[in-house]
Amino acid sequence: MKKFWKWKNQAQTETAPAERTLYLNGTIAEESWFDDDVTPQLFKEELMSGDGNITVWINSPGGDCVAAAQIYNMLMDYPHDVTVKIDGIAASAASVIAMAGTKVLMSPVSMLMIHNPMTVAMGDTGEMQKAIGML
């Protein structure tokens, strides 16, 4: 299973508390979230398997908004501080995840891209009206 996230753990020392780093690189939910329903649960298990503050590095063009919403909710429910650092780009669905940070940091050369919602719809005029209402 291809994952678009990677964890790096830093053990607690006498001078520094335990801290974990999460790297979100690439397209969110490109394959694994749709191909394997267990994947959101796997992400949650990995998130909750450690303790301490988390730094999330994001470099992503976006992806599936439902998967991004799940990650956002999981990070918001995490009981410690979450610092988000945008490394390159946090676009579209990745911008949703970026907003889960207690603190959101980005360099002057990083990009945060938020756009209006989009969808694809087929059907008669009633179905089109429903799609418009959803947006």
C-alpha atoms as a PDB file:
ATOM      1  CA  MET A   1       0.000   0.000   0.000  1.00  0.00           C
ATOM      2  CA  LYS A   2       1.393   3.400  -1.011  1.00  0.00           C
ATOM      3  CA  LYS A   3       1.122   6.011   1.751  1.00  0.00           C
ATOM      4  CA  PHE A   4       1.450   9.743   1.234  1.00  0.00           C
ATOM      5  CA  TRP A   5       2.577  10.274   4.823  1.00  0.00           C
ATOM      6  CA  LYS A   6       5.697   9.356   6.794  1.00  0.00           C
ATOM      7  CA  TRP A   7       6.386   9.642  10.537  1.00  0.00           C
ATOM      8  CA  LYS A   8       9.696  10.484  12.204  1.00  0.00           C
ATOM      9  CA  ASN A   9       9.884  10.164  15.992  1.00  0.00           C
ATOM     10  CA  GLN A  10      12.225  12.079  18.284  1.00  0.00           C
ATOM     11  CA  ALA A  11      12.636  10.494  21.706  1.00  0.00           C
ATOM     12  CA  GLN A  12      12.238  12.521  24.856  1.00  0.00           C
ATOM     13  CA  THR A  13      15.473  13.675  26.477  1.00  0.00           C
ATOM     14  CA  GLU A  14      16.229  15.536  29.694  1.00  0.00           C
ATOM     15  CA  THR A  15      16.250  18.838  27.812  1.00  0.00           C
ATOM     16  CA  ALA A  16      13.594  18.237  25.150  1.00  0.00           C
ATOM     17  CA  PRO A  17      10.134  16.664  25.254  1.00  0.00           C
ATOM     18  CA  ALA A  18       9.150  13.858  22.912  1.00  0.00           C
ATOM     19  CA  GLU A  19       8.161  15.210  19.540  1.00  0.00           C
ATOM     20  CA  ARG A  20       7.024  13.607  16.337  1.00  0.00           C
ATOM     21  CA  THR A  21       7.276  14.852  12.789  1.00  0.00           C
ATOM     22  CA  LEU A  22       4.752  13.985  10.101  1.00  0.00           C
ATOM     23  CA  TYR A  23       5.640  14.524   6.446  1.00  0.00           C
ATOM     24  CA  LEU A  24       2.721  14.819   4.010  1.00  0.00           C
ATOM     25  CA  ASN A  25       4.163  14.717   0.499  1.00  0.00           C
ATOM     26  CA  GLY A  26       2.397  14.230  -2.798  1.00  0.00           C
ATOM     27  CA  THR A  27      -1.236  13.802  -3.702  1.00  0.00           C
ATOM     28  CA  ILE A  28      -3.618  13.053  -0.849  1.00  0.00           C
ATOM     29  CA  ALA A  29      -5.662   9.874  -1.312  1.00  0.00           C
ATOM     30  CA  GLU A  30      -4.445   9.250  -4.818  1.00  0.00           C
ATOM     31  CA  GLU A  31      -4.909   5.501  -4.525  1.00  0.00           C
ATOM     32  CA  SER A  32      -4.828   4.101  -1.039  1.00  0.00           C
ATOM     33  CA  TRP A  33      -7.782   5.887   0.560  1.00  0.00           C
ATOM     34  CA  PHE A  34     -10.181   4.671  -2.121  1.00  0.00           C
ATOM     35  CA  ASP A  35      -8.609   1.258  -2.684  1.00  0.00           C
ATOM     36  CA  ASP A  36      -8.411   0.364   0.991  1.00  0.00           C
ATOM     37  CA  ASP A  37     -11.081   1.490   3.459  1.00  0.00           C
ATOM     38  CA  VAL A  38      -8.753   0.604   6.338  1.00  0.00           C
ATOM     39  CA  THR A  39      -6.310   3.383   5.435  1.00  0.00           C
ATOM     40  CA  PRO A  40      -8.022   6.239   7.365  1.00  0.00           C
ATOM     41  CA  GLN A  41      -8.071   3.979  10.405  1.00  0.00           C
ATOM     42  CA  LEU A  42      -4.398   3.123   9.833  1.00  0.00           C
ATOM     43  CA  PHE A  43      -3.539   6.834   9.762  1.00  0.00           C
ATOM     44  CA  LYS A  44      -5.445   7.368  13.014  1.00  0.00           C
ATOM     45  CA  GLU A  45      -3.714   4.410  14.670  1.00  0.00           C
ATOM     46  CA  GLU A  46      -0.308   5.791  13.664  1.00  0.00           C
ATOM     47  CA  LEU A  47      -1.280   9.277  14.860  1.00  0.00           C
ATOM     48  CA  MET A  48      -2.474   8.052  18.246  1.00  0.00           C
ATOM     49  CA  SER A  49       0.357   5.537  18.720  1.00  0.00           C
ATOM     50  CA  GLY A  50       2.725   8.205  20.024  1.00  0.00           C
ATOM     51  CA  ASP A  51       2.691  11.062  22.465  1.00  0.00           C
ATOM     52  CA  GLY A  52       3.856  14.652  22.505  1.00  0.00           C
ATOM     53  CA  ASN A  53       3.657  17.553  20.117  1.00  0.00           C
ATOM     54  CA  ILE A  54       3.623  17.029  16.359  1.00  0.00           C
ATOM     55  CA  THR A  55       5.182  19.053  13.565  1.00  0.00           C
ATOM     56  CA  VAL A  56       3.466  18.477  10.213  1.00  0.00           C
ATOM     57  CA  TRP A  57       5.452  19.327   7.080  1.00  0.00           C
ATOM     58  CA  ILE A  58       3.177  19.707   4.046  1.00  0.00           C
ATOM     59  CA  ASN A  59       4.222  19.706   0.399  1.00  0.00           C
ATOM     60  CA  SER A  60       1.127  18.637  -1.528  1.00  0.00           C
ATOM     61  CA  PRO A  61      -0.905  19.762  -4.537  1.00  0.00           C
ATOM     62  CA  GLY A  62      -4.021  18.470  -2.747  1.00  0.00           C
ATOM     63  CA  GLY A  63      -6.205  15.512  -3.567  1.00  0.00           C
ATOM     64  CA  ASP A  64      -9.354  14.012  -2.141  1.00  0.00           C
ATOM     65  CA  CYS A  65     -11.279  16.481   0.037  1.00  0.00           C
ATOM     66  CA  VAL A  66     -12.966  13.731   2.091  1.00  0.00           C
ATOM     67  CA  ALA A  67      -9.616  12.198   3.056  1.00  0.00           C
ATOM     68  CA  ALA A  68      -8.268  15.673   3.848  1.00  0.00           C
ATOM     69  CA  ALA A  69     -11.281  16.354   6.064  1.00  0.00           C
ATOM     70  CA  GLN A  70     -10.642  13.109   7.946  1.00  0.00           C
ATOM     71  CA  ILE A  71      -6.983  14.015   8.507  1.00  0.00           C
ATOM     72  CA  TYR A  72      -7.999  17.530   9.591  1.00  0.00           C
ATOM     73  CA  ASN A  73     -10.462  16.125  12.140  1.00  0.00           C
ATOM     74  CA  MET A  74      -7.923  13.614  13.467  1.00  0.00           C
ATOM     75  CA  LEU A  75      -5.284  16.325  13.926  1.00  0.00           C
ATOM     76  CA  MET A  76      -7.820  18.647  15.589  1.00  0.00           C
ATOM     77  CA  ASP A  77      -8.723  15.861  18.037  1.00  0.00           C
ATOM     78  CA  TYR A  78      -5.059  15.166  18.837  1.00  0.00           C
ATOM     79  CA  PRO A  79      -4.502  16.115  22.502  1.00  0.00           C
ATOM     80  CA  HIS A  80      -1.178  17.941  22.004  1.00  0.00           C
ATOM     81  CA  ASP A  81       0.056  20.891  19.940  1.00  0.00           C
ATOM     82  CA  VAL A  82       0.218  20.489  16.176  1.00  0.00           C
ATOM     83  CA  THR A  83       2.552  22.852  14.325  1.00  0.00           C
ATOM     84  CA  VAL A  84       2.071  22.934  10.556  1.00  0.00           C
ATOM     85  CA  LYS A  85       4.967  23.991   8.342  1.00  0.00           C
ATOM     86  CA  ILE A  86       4.189  24.476   4.671  1.00  0.00           C
ATOM     87  CA  ASP A  87       7.199  23.331   2.710  1.00  0.00           C
ATOM     88  CA  GLY A  88       6.616  24.236  -0.915  1.00  0.00           C
ATOM     89  CA  ILE A  89       2.858  24.104  -1.460  1.00  0.00           C
ATOM     90  CA  ALA A  90      -0.302  23.257   0.440  1.00  0.00           C
ATOM     91  CA  ALA A  91      -2.949  23.468  -2.257  1.00  0.00           C
ATOM     92  CA  SER A  92      -6.597  22.518  -2.467  1.00  0.00           C
ATOM     93  CA  ALA A  93      -7.307  19.603  -0.081  1.00  0.00           C
ATOM     94  CA  ALA A  94      -3.864  20.026   1.519  1.00  0.00           C
ATOM     95  CA  SER A  95      -4.885  23.547   2.595  1.00  0.00           C
ATOM     96  CA  VAL A  96      -7.673  21.954   4.664  1.00  0.00           C
ATOM     97  CA  ILE A  97      -5.119  19.845   6.550  1.00  0.00           C
ATOM     98  CA  ALA A  98      -2.909  22.907   7.051  1.00  0.00           C
ATOM     99  CA  MET A  99      -5.696  24.628   8.976  1.00  0.00           C
ATOM    100  CA  ALA A 100      -5.550  21.924  11.684  1.00  0.00           C
ATOM    101  CA  GLY A 101      -2.411  23.458  13.137  1.00  0.00           C
ATOM    102  CA  THR A 102      -2.248  25.097  16.531  1.00  0.00           C
ATOM    103  CA  LYS A 103       0.357  27.172  14.706  1.00  0.00           C
ATOM    104  CA  VAL A 104       0.732  27.424  10.895  1.00  0.00           C
ATOM    105  CA  LEU A 105       4.098  28.554   9.546  1.00  0.00           C
ATOM    106  CA  MET A 106       5.262  29.094   6.000  1.00  0.00           C
ATOM    107  CA  SER A 107       8.275  30.658   4.391  1.00  0.00           C
ATOM    108  CA  PRO A 108       7.916  33.648   2.062  1.00  0.00           C
ATOM    109  CA  VAL A 109       8.472  31.325  -0.901  1.00  0.00           C
ATOM    110  CA  SER A 110       5.890  28.690   0.099  1.00  0.00           C
ATOM    111  CA  MET A 111       2.362  28.714  -1.293  1.00  0.00           C
ATOM    112  CA  LEU A 112      -1.056  28.144   0.274  1.00  0.00           C
ATOM    113  CA  MET A 113      -3.757  27.762  -2.373  1.00  0.00           C
ATOM    114  CA  ILE A 114      -7.452  27.745  -1.502  1.00  0.00           C
ATOM    115  CA  HIS A 115     -10.105  27.597  -4.211  1.00  0.00           C
ATOM    116  CA  ASN A 116     -13.867  27.471  -4.470  1.00  0.00           C
ATOM    117  CA  PRO A 117     -15.375  23.974  -4.287  1.00  0.00           C
ATOM    118  CA  MET A 118     -15.671  21.951  -7.489  1.00  0.00           C
ATOM    119  CA  THR A 119     -17.647  18.896  -8.504  1.00  0.00           C
ATOM    120  CA  VAL A 120     -18.699  16.869 -11.510  1.00  0.00           C
ATOM    121  CA  ALA A 121     -22.385  16.178 -12.050  1.00  0.00           C
ATOM    122  CA  MET A 122     -24.544  14.292 -14.532  1.00  0.00           C
ATOM    123  CA  GLY A 123     -28.272  14.010 -14.858  1.00  0.00           C
ATOM    124  CA  ASP A 124     -31.397  16.012 -15.500  1.00  0.00           C
ATOM    125  CA  THR A 125     -32.128  19.556 -14.366  1.00  0.00           C
ATOM    126  CA  GLY A 126     -33.122  18.321 -10.905  1.00  0.00           C
ATOM    127  CA  GLU A 127     -29.777  16.578 -10.446  1.00  0.00           C
ATOM    128  CA  MET A 128     -27.942  19.684 -11.681  1.00  0.00           C
ATOM    129  CA  GLN A 129     -29.849  21.846  -9.162  1.00  0.00           C
ATOM    130  CA  LYS A 130     -28.864  19.448  -6.365  1.00  0.00           C
ATOM    131  CA  ALA A 131     -25.214  19.704  -7.434  1.00  0.00           C
ATOM    132  CA  ILE A 132     -25.435  23.503  -7.469  1.00  0.00           C
ATOM    133  CA  GLY A 133     -27.008  23.461  -4.004  1.00  0.00           C
ATOM    134  CA  MET A 134     -24.262  21.203  -2.686  1.00  0.00           C
ATOM    135  CA  LEU A 135     -21.589  23.613  -3.893  1.00  0.00           C
END
